C-alpha atoms as a PDB file:
ATOM      1  CA  MET A   1     -23.544 -26.397 181.369  1.00  0.00           C
ATOM      2  CA  ALA A   2     -24.432 -26.448 185.070  1.00  0.00           C
ATOM      3  CA  PRO A   3     -21.835 -25.168 187.558  1.00  0.00           C
ATOM      4  CA  ILE A   4     -19.682 -27.785 189.255  1.00  0.00           C
ATOM      5  CA  ALA A   5     -21.067 -28.796 192.655  1.00  0.00           C
ATOM      6  CA  LEU A   6     -18.472 -29.193 195.409  1.00  0.00           C
ATOM      7  CA  PRO A   7     -20.439 -30.181 198.524  1.00  0.00           C
ATOM      8  CA  HIS A   8     -17.348 -31.735 200.107  1.00  0.00           C
ATOM      9  CA  ASP A   9     -14.303 -29.607 200.870  1.00  0.00           C
ATOM     10  CA  ALA A  10     -10.617 -30.320 201.443  1.00  0.00           C
ATOM     11  CA  LYS A  11      -8.097 -28.290 203.399  1.00  0.00           C
ATOM     12  CA  ALA A  12      -6.344 -27.054 200.271  1.00  0.00           C
ATOM     13  CA  GLY A  13      -9.607 -25.860 198.720  1.00  0.00           C
ATOM     14  CA  PRO A  14     -10.681 -26.060 195.070  1.00  0.00           C
ATOM     15  CA  THR A  15      -9.128 -24.383 192.061  1.00  0.00           C
ATOM     16  CA  LYS A  16     -11.206 -21.224 191.636  1.00  0.00           C
ATOM     17  CA  PRO A  17     -13.798 -21.219 188.794  1.00  0.00           C
ATOM     18  CA  GLU A  18     -12.030 -18.480 186.828  1.00  0.00           C
ATOM     19  CA  VAL A  19      -8.709 -20.301 187.079  1.00  0.00           C
ATOM     20  CA  ARG A  20     -10.398 -23.540 186.016  1.00  0.00           C
ATOM     21  CA  ALA A  21     -11.771 -21.779 182.955  1.00  0.00           C
ATOM     22  CA  VAL A  22      -8.314 -20.627 181.852  1.00  0.00           C
ATOM     23  CA  THR A  23      -6.791 -24.026 182.665  1.00  0.00           C
ATOM     24  CA  LEU A  24      -9.379 -25.929 180.632  1.00  0.00           C
ATOM     25  CA  SER A  25      -9.013 -23.492 177.753  1.00  0.00           C
ATOM     26  CA  LYS A  26      -5.258 -24.096 177.616  1.00  0.00           C
ATOM     27  CA  LEU A  27      -5.705 -27.884 177.874  1.00  0.00           C
ATOM     28  CA  ALA A  28      -8.160 -27.841 174.930  1.00  0.00           C
ATOM     29  CA  LEU A  29      -9.567 -31.254 175.796  1.00  0.00           C
ATOM     30  CA  GLY A  30     -11.369 -33.278 173.146  1.00  0.00           C
ATOM     31  CA  ALA A  31     -13.710 -36.254 173.342  1.00  0.00           C
ATOM     32  CA  ASP A  32     -10.911 -38.734 172.566  1.00  0.00           C
ATOM     33  CA  ASP A  33      -8.345 -37.324 175.002  1.00  0.00           C
ATOM     34  CA  HIS A  34      -6.935 -39.051 178.066  1.00  0.00           C
ATOM     35  CA  PHE A  35      -6.553 -36.339 180.688  1.00  0.00           C
ATOM     36  CA  VAL A  36      -4.413 -36.767 183.810  1.00  0.00           C
ATOM     37  CA  GLU A  37      -4.499 -34.592 186.904  1.00  0.00           C
ATOM     38  CA  VAL A  38      -1.712 -34.618 189.484  1.00  0.00           C
ATOM     39  CA  GLY A  39      -3.144 -33.678 192.887  1.00  0.00           C
ATOM     40  CA  SER A  40      -6.926 -33.886 192.495  1.00  0.00           C
ATOM     41  CA  CYS A  41      -7.815 -32.539 195.983  1.00  0.00           C
ATOM     42  CA  THR A  42     -11.504 -31.502 195.850  1.00  0.00           C
ATOM     43  CA  GLY A  43     -11.824 -32.873 192.317  1.00  0.00           C
ATOM     44  CA  ALA A  44     -12.862 -29.562 190.750  1.00  0.00           C
ATOM     45  CA  VAL A  45     -10.508 -29.838 187.762  1.00  0.00           C
ATOM     46  CA  THR A  46     -11.061 -33.588 187.454  1.00  0.00           C
ATOM     47  CA  ILE A  47     -14.820 -33.030 187.208  1.00  0.00           C
ATOM     48  CA  ALA A  48     -14.462 -30.186 184.706  1.00  0.00           C
ATOM     49  CA  ALA A  49     -12.153 -32.320 182.555  1.00  0.00           C
ATOM     50  CA  ALA A  50     -14.493 -35.321 182.809  1.00  0.00           C
ATOM     51  CA  ARG A  51     -17.173 -33.236 181.115  1.00  0.00           C
ATOM     52  CA  ARG A  52     -14.943 -32.889 178.042  1.00  0.00           C
ATOM     53  CA  ALA A  53     -12.397 -35.708 177.774  1.00  0.00           C
ATOM     54  CA  GLY A  54     -12.935 -39.365 176.983  1.00  0.00           C
ATOM     55  CA  ARG A  55     -10.817 -40.694 179.851  1.00  0.00           C
ATOM     56  CA  VAL A  56      -9.623 -39.108 183.074  1.00  0.00           C
ATOM     57  CA  THR A  57      -7.023 -40.367 185.531  1.00  0.00           C
ATOM     58  CA  ALA A  58      -6.749 -38.407 188.782  1.00  0.00           C
ATOM     59  CA  LEU A  59      -3.804 -38.888 191.145  1.00  0.00           C
ATOM     60  CA  GLU A  60      -3.933 -37.823 194.784  1.00  0.00           C
ATOM     61  CA  ARG A  61      -1.319 -38.907 197.302  1.00  0.00           C
ATOM     62  CA  LYS A  62      -3.495 -38.181 200.363  1.00  0.00           C
ATOM     63  CA  ALA A  63      -6.234 -40.767 200.852  1.00  0.00           C
ATOM     64  CA  GLU A  64      -8.607 -38.341 202.589  1.00  0.00           C
ATOM     65  CA  ARG A  65      -8.374 -35.889 199.711  1.00  0.00           C
ATOM     66  CA  LEU A  66      -8.954 -38.653 197.178  1.00  0.00           C
ATOM     67  CA  GLU A  67     -12.091 -39.558 199.115  1.00  0.00           C
ATOM     68  CA  THR A  68     -13.200 -35.929 198.752  1.00  0.00           C
ATOM     69  CA  THR A  69     -12.559 -36.152 194.999  1.00  0.00           C
ATOM     70  CA  GLU A  70     -14.666 -39.305 194.823  1.00  0.00           C
ATOM     71  CA  LYS A  71     -17.580 -37.765 196.747  1.00  0.00           C
ATOM     72  CA  ASN A  72     -17.612 -34.595 194.665  1.00  0.00           C
ATOM     73  CA  LEU A  73     -17.340 -36.635 191.475  1.00  0.00           C
ATOM     74  CA  ALA A  74     -20.427 -38.588 192.529  1.00  0.00           C
ATOM     75  CA  ALA A  75     -22.273 -35.313 193.166  1.00  0.00           C
ATOM     76  CA  ASN A  76     -21.685 -34.359 189.515  1.00  0.00           C
ATOM     77  CA  ALA A  77     -22.315 -37.787 187.986  1.00  0.00           C
ATOM     78  CA  ASP A  78     -25.071 -36.525 185.690  1.00  0.00           C
ATOM     79  CA  SER A  79     -22.709 -34.205 183.819  1.00  0.00           C
ATOM     80  CA  VAL A  80     -19.641 -36.471 183.635  1.00  0.00           C
ATOM     81  CA  ARG A  81     -19.052 -38.103 180.261  1.00  0.00           C
ATOM     82  CA  ALA A  82     -15.581 -39.598 180.727  1.00  0.00           C
ATOM     83  CA  GLU A  83     -14.385 -42.879 182.142  1.00  0.00           C
ATOM     84  CA  VAL A  84     -12.712 -41.754 185.386  1.00  0.00           C
ATOM     85  CA  GLU A  85     -10.028 -43.589 187.366  1.00  0.00           C
ATOM     86  CA  LEU A  86      -8.959 -42.303 190.778  1.00  0.00           C
ATOM     87  CA  ARG A  87      -5.522 -43.333 192.023  1.00  0.00           C
ATOM     88  CA  ASN A  88      -4.177 -42.955 195.553  1.00  0.00           C
ATOM     89  CA  ALA A  89      -0.649 -42.537 194.250  1.00  0.00           C
ATOM     90  CA  GLU A  90       2.343 -40.222 194.131  1.00  0.00           C
ATOM     91  CA  ALA A  91       3.546 -38.708 190.874  1.00  0.00           C
ATOM     92  CA  PRO A  92       5.473 -39.501 188.790  1.00  0.00           C
ATOM     93  CA  GLU A  93       5.328 -43.171 189.838  1.00  0.00           C
ATOM     94  CA  GLY A  94       1.546 -43.380 189.511  1.00  0.00           C
ATOM     95  CA  LEU A  95       1.297 -41.640 186.143  1.00  0.00           C
ATOM     96  CA  PRO A  96      -0.132 -43.528 183.155  1.00  0.00           C
ATOM     97  CA  ALA A  97       2.046 -43.697 180.053  1.00  0.00           C
ATOM     98  CA  ASP A  98      -0.625 -42.663 177.537  1.00  0.00           C
ATOM     99  CA  ALA A  99      -1.765 -39.209 178.665  1.00  0.00           C
ATOM    100  CA  ASP A 100      -2.740 -36.712 175.987  1.00  0.00           C
ATOM    101  CA  ALA A 101      -3.045 -33.812 178.441  1.00  0.00           C
ATOM    102  CA  LEU A 102      -1.813 -33.330 181.995  1.00  0.00           C
ATOM    103  CA  PHE A 103      -2.505 -30.765 184.686  1.00  0.00           C
ATOM    104  CA  LEU A 104      -0.202 -30.021 187.613  1.00  0.00           C
ATOM    105  CA  GLY A 105      -2.106 -28.205 190.334  1.00  0.00           C
ATOM    106  CA  GLY A 106       0.754 -28.174 192.827  1.00  0.00           C
ATOM    107  CA  SER A 107       4.521 -27.920 192.924  1.00  0.00           C
ATOM    108  CA  ARG A 108       5.400 -31.192 194.666  1.00  0.00           C
ATOM    109  CA  ASN A 109       7.846 -33.258 192.541  1.00  0.00           C
ATOM    110  CA  PHE A 110       7.060 -31.115 189.525  1.00  0.00           C
ATOM    111  CA  GLU A 111      10.510 -31.570 187.961  1.00  0.00           C
ATOM    112  CA  ALA A 112      10.137 -35.366 188.013  1.00  0.00           C
ATOM    113  CA  VAL A 113       6.610 -35.091 186.616  1.00  0.00           C
ATOM    114  CA  LEU A 114       7.879 -32.893 183.778  1.00  0.00           C
ATOM    115  CA  ASP A 115      10.604 -35.470 183.077  1.00  0.00           C
ATOM    116  CA  ARG A 116       7.851 -38.062 182.618  1.00  0.00           C
ATOM    117  CA  VAL A 117       5.849 -35.670 180.446  1.00  0.00           C
ATOM    118  CA  ALA A 118       8.845 -35.280 178.151  1.00  0.00           C
ATOM    119  CA  GLU A 119       9.600 -39.008 178.123  1.00  0.00           C
ATOM    120  CA  THR A 120       6.054 -40.086 177.277  1.00  0.00           C
ATOM    121  CA  GLY A 121       5.291 -37.307 174.801  1.00  0.00           C
ATOM    122  CA  VAL A 122       2.343 -35.645 176.514  1.00  0.00           C
ATOM    123  CA  ASP A 123       0.798 -33.283 173.986  1.00  0.00           C
ATOM    124  CA  ARG A 124      -0.471 -30.614 176.421  1.00  0.00           C
ATOM    125  CA  VAL A 125       0.710 -29.846 179.935  1.00  0.00           C
ATOM    126  CA  VAL A 126      -0.496 -27.024 182.182  1.00  0.00           C
ATOM    127  CA  MET A 127       0.809 -26.069 185.617  1.00  0.00           C
ATOM    128  CA  ASN A 128      -0.726 -23.445 187.909  1.00  0.00           C
ATOM    129  CA  VAL A 129       1.480 -21.688 190.464  1.00  0.00           C
ATOM    130  CA  SER A 130       0.652 -18.976 192.996  1.00  0.00           C
ATOM    131  CA  ARG A 131       4.134 -18.291 194.412  1.00  0.00           C
ATOM    132  CA  LEU A 132       6.538 -16.144 192.407  1.00  0.00           C
ATOM    133  CA  GLU A 133       9.679 -18.102 193.334  1.00  0.00           C
ATOM    134  CA  VAL A 134       8.080 -21.413 192.363  1.00  0.00           C
ATOM    135  CA  ALA A 135       6.844 -19.883 189.111  1.00  0.00           C
ATOM    136  CA  GLY A 136      10.426 -18.939 188.258  1.00  0.00           C
ATOM    137  CA  ARG A 137      11.738 -22.429 188.961  1.00  0.00           C
ATOM    138  CA  ALA A 138       8.868 -24.016 187.068  1.00  0.00           C
ATOM    139  CA  THR A 139       9.455 -21.801 184.037  1.00  0.00           C
ATOM    140  CA  GLU A 140      13.087 -22.862 183.924  1.00  0.00           C
ATOM    141  CA  ALA A 141      12.093 -26.525 184.364  1.00  0.00           C
ATOM    142  CA  PHE A 142       9.678 -26.285 181.425  1.00  0.00           C
ATOM    143  CA  ARG A 143      12.285 -24.523 179.318  1.00  0.00           C
ATOM    144  CA  GLU A 144      15.093 -26.969 180.140  1.00  0.00           C
ATOM    145  CA  ARG A 145      12.922 -29.852 178.879  1.00  0.00           C
ATOM    146  CA  ASP A 146      11.872 -27.984 175.720  1.00  0.00           C
ATOM    147  CA  LEU A 147       8.261 -27.987 176.901  1.00  0.00           C
ATOM    148  CA  LEU A 148       7.546 -24.284 177.352  1.00  0.00           C
ATOM    149  CA  GLU A 149       5.054 -22.587 175.048  1.00  0.00           C
ATOM    150  CA  GLU A 150       3.782 -19.711 177.178  1.00  0.00           C
ATOM    151  CA  VAL A 151       3.516 -18.283 180.668  1.00  0.00           C
ATOM    152  CA  VAL A 152       0.343 -16.416 181.588  1.00  0.00           C
ATOM    153  CA  GLN A 153      -0.050 -14.288 184.717  1.00  0.00           C
ATOM    154  CA  PHE A 154      -3.554 -13.244 185.635  1.00  0.00           C
ATOM    155  CA  GLN A 155      -5.524 -11.948 188.576  1.00  0.00           C
ATOM    156  CA  VAL A 156      -9.249 -12.041 189.295  1.00  0.00           C
ATOM    157  CA  SER A 157     -11.180  -9.556 191.386  1.00  0.00           C
ATOM    158  CA  HIS A 158     -14.697 -10.057 192.742  1.00  0.00           C
ATOM    159  CA  GLY A 159     -17.070  -7.188 193.323  1.00  0.00           C
ATOM    160  CA  TYR A 160     -18.856  -6.515 196.590  1.00  0.00           C
ATOM    161  CA  GLU A 161     -21.194  -3.790 197.788  1.00  0.00           C
ATOM    162  CA  LEU A 162     -19.587  -0.922 199.668  1.00  0.00           C
ATOM    163  CA  ALA A 163     -21.586   2.135 200.760  1.00  0.00           C
ATOM    164  CA  GLY A 164     -24.154   1.631 198.041  1.00  0.00           C
ATOM    165  CA  ALA A 165     -21.530   1.160 195.309  1.00  0.00           C
ATOM    166  CA  THR A 166     -19.283  -1.628 194.062  1.00  0.00           C
ATOM    167  CA  SER A 167     -15.740  -2.222 195.231  1.00  0.00           C
ATOM    168  CA  PHE A 168     -13.478  -5.198 194.528  1.00  0.00           C
ATOM    169  CA  ASP A 169     -11.554  -7.852 196.447  1.00  0.00           C
ATOM    170  CA  SER A 170      -8.636  -9.261 194.471  1.00  0.00           C
ATOM    171  CA  GLU A 171      -7.470 -12.864 194.540  1.00  0.00           C
ATOM    172  CA  ASN A 172      -3.785 -13.771 194.587  1.00  0.00           C
ATOM    173  CA  PRO A 173      -2.182 -13.691 191.113  1.00  0.00           C
ATOM    174  CA  VAL A 174      -1.853 -17.037 189.360  1.00  0.00           C
ATOM    175  CA  TYR A 175       0.937 -18.038 186.988  1.00  0.00           C
ATOM    176  CA  THR A 176      -0.143 -20.569 184.362  1.00  0.00           C
ATOM    177  CA  LEU A 177       2.594 -22.396 182.483  1.00  0.00           C
ATOM    178  CA  VAL A 178       1.574 -24.054 179.245  1.00  0.00           C
ATOM    179  CA  GLY A 179       3.683 -26.527 177.325  1.00  0.00           C
ATOM    180  CA  SER A 180       3.889 -29.544 175.084  1.00  0.00           C
ATOM    181  CA  ALA A 181       6.252 -32.460 174.566  1.00  0.00           C
ATOM    182  CA  THR A 182       5.134 -32.785 170.945  1.00  0.00           C
ATOM    183  CA  ALA A 183       5.043 -29.179 169.673  1.00  0.00           C
ATOM    184  CA  ALA A 184       8.732 -29.171 168.721  1.00  0.00           C
ATOM    185  CA  GLU A 185       8.174 -32.165 166.454  1.00  0.00           C
ATOM    186  CA  GLY A 186       5.570 -30.281 164.414  1.00  0.00           C
ATOM    187  CA  GLY A 187       7.775 -27.315 163.445  1.00  0.00           C
ATOM    188  CA  ASP A 188       4.794 -25.108 162.569  1.00  0.00           C
ATOM    189  CA  GLY A 189       6.844 -21.925 162.469  1.00  0.00           C
ATOM    190  CA  GLY A 190       4.827 -20.305 165.229  1.00  0.00           C
ATOM    191  CA  GLU A 191       5.855 -18.099 168.094  1.00  0.00           C
ATOM    192  CA  THR A 192       8.187 -19.485 170.721  1.00  0.00           C
ATOM    193  CA  VAL A 193       9.091 -18.244 174.168  1.00  0.00           C
ATOM    194  CA  VAL A 194      12.664 -17.007 174.571  1.00  0.00           C
ATOM    195  CA  ALA A 195      14.820 -16.649 177.654  1.00  0.00           C
ATOM    196  CA  ASP A 196      14.034 -12.997 178.340  1.00  0.00           C
ATOM    197  CA  GLY A 197      10.299 -13.650 178.345  1.00  0.00           C
ATOM    198  CA  GLY A 198       9.763 -12.144 174.882  1.00  0.00           C
ATOM    199  CA  SER A 199       9.150 -14.035 171.680  1.00  0.00           C
ATOM    200  CA  ALA A 200      11.002 -14.933 168.535  1.00  0.00           C
ATOM    201  CA  ARG A 201       9.867 -16.336 165.196  1.00  0.00           C
ATOM    202  CA  ASP A 202      11.543 -18.904 163.017  1.00  0.00           C
ATOM    203  CA  ASP A 203      12.061 -16.305 160.277  1.00  0.00           C
ATOM    204  CA  GLY A 204      14.970 -14.819 162.237  1.00  0.00           C
ATOM    205  CA  GLY A 205      13.072 -12.194 164.200  1.00  0.00           C
ATOM    206  CA  SER A 206      14.706 -11.217 167.465  1.00  0.00           C
ATOM    207  CA  GLY A 207      11.462 -10.496 169.327  1.00  0.00           C
ATOM    208  CA  GLU A 208      12.774  -7.024 170.219  1.00  0.00           C
END
């Protein structure tokens, strides 16, 4: 599939391609899914999701950023398969009630958004965080609502030429929180995240 074109920029910048790849992998979007993004900005994640999901709703509270989303979406029209709705709205008030998967690209109002996720039974929710303190608060917020499935910390480095060889510039680490408001209902006996960051199984294992 062709790379996403982002001819129009926004002050916050797009979610980096490598981060998008991990995000979309965790969201596991299918052709019948309704995907919701909170804070669309350049539209990079919205466009990537619209290549996989059946419906996409993108919320952006800043009108100028939503305009950027719209322009970049138009630049990728040939590869978009989903029905896409753009909303100039604040979350959680502007959230639809029938989302199958939701992505939080920023930390504004994230506790209230997670409340809505839990209330409406969103099957998959992913939040990306770059600041350690926010990642800690977000992890606790996921856990308090019985949403938390995993926390992934990763860092990407890009190579560049230096004195005829290759050196690397590293990006800031990203914390990806993955959860579900429906996983607890399934009771599949899988691995769960525990308070100390380890894991425990339903067979009584302590995760130590």
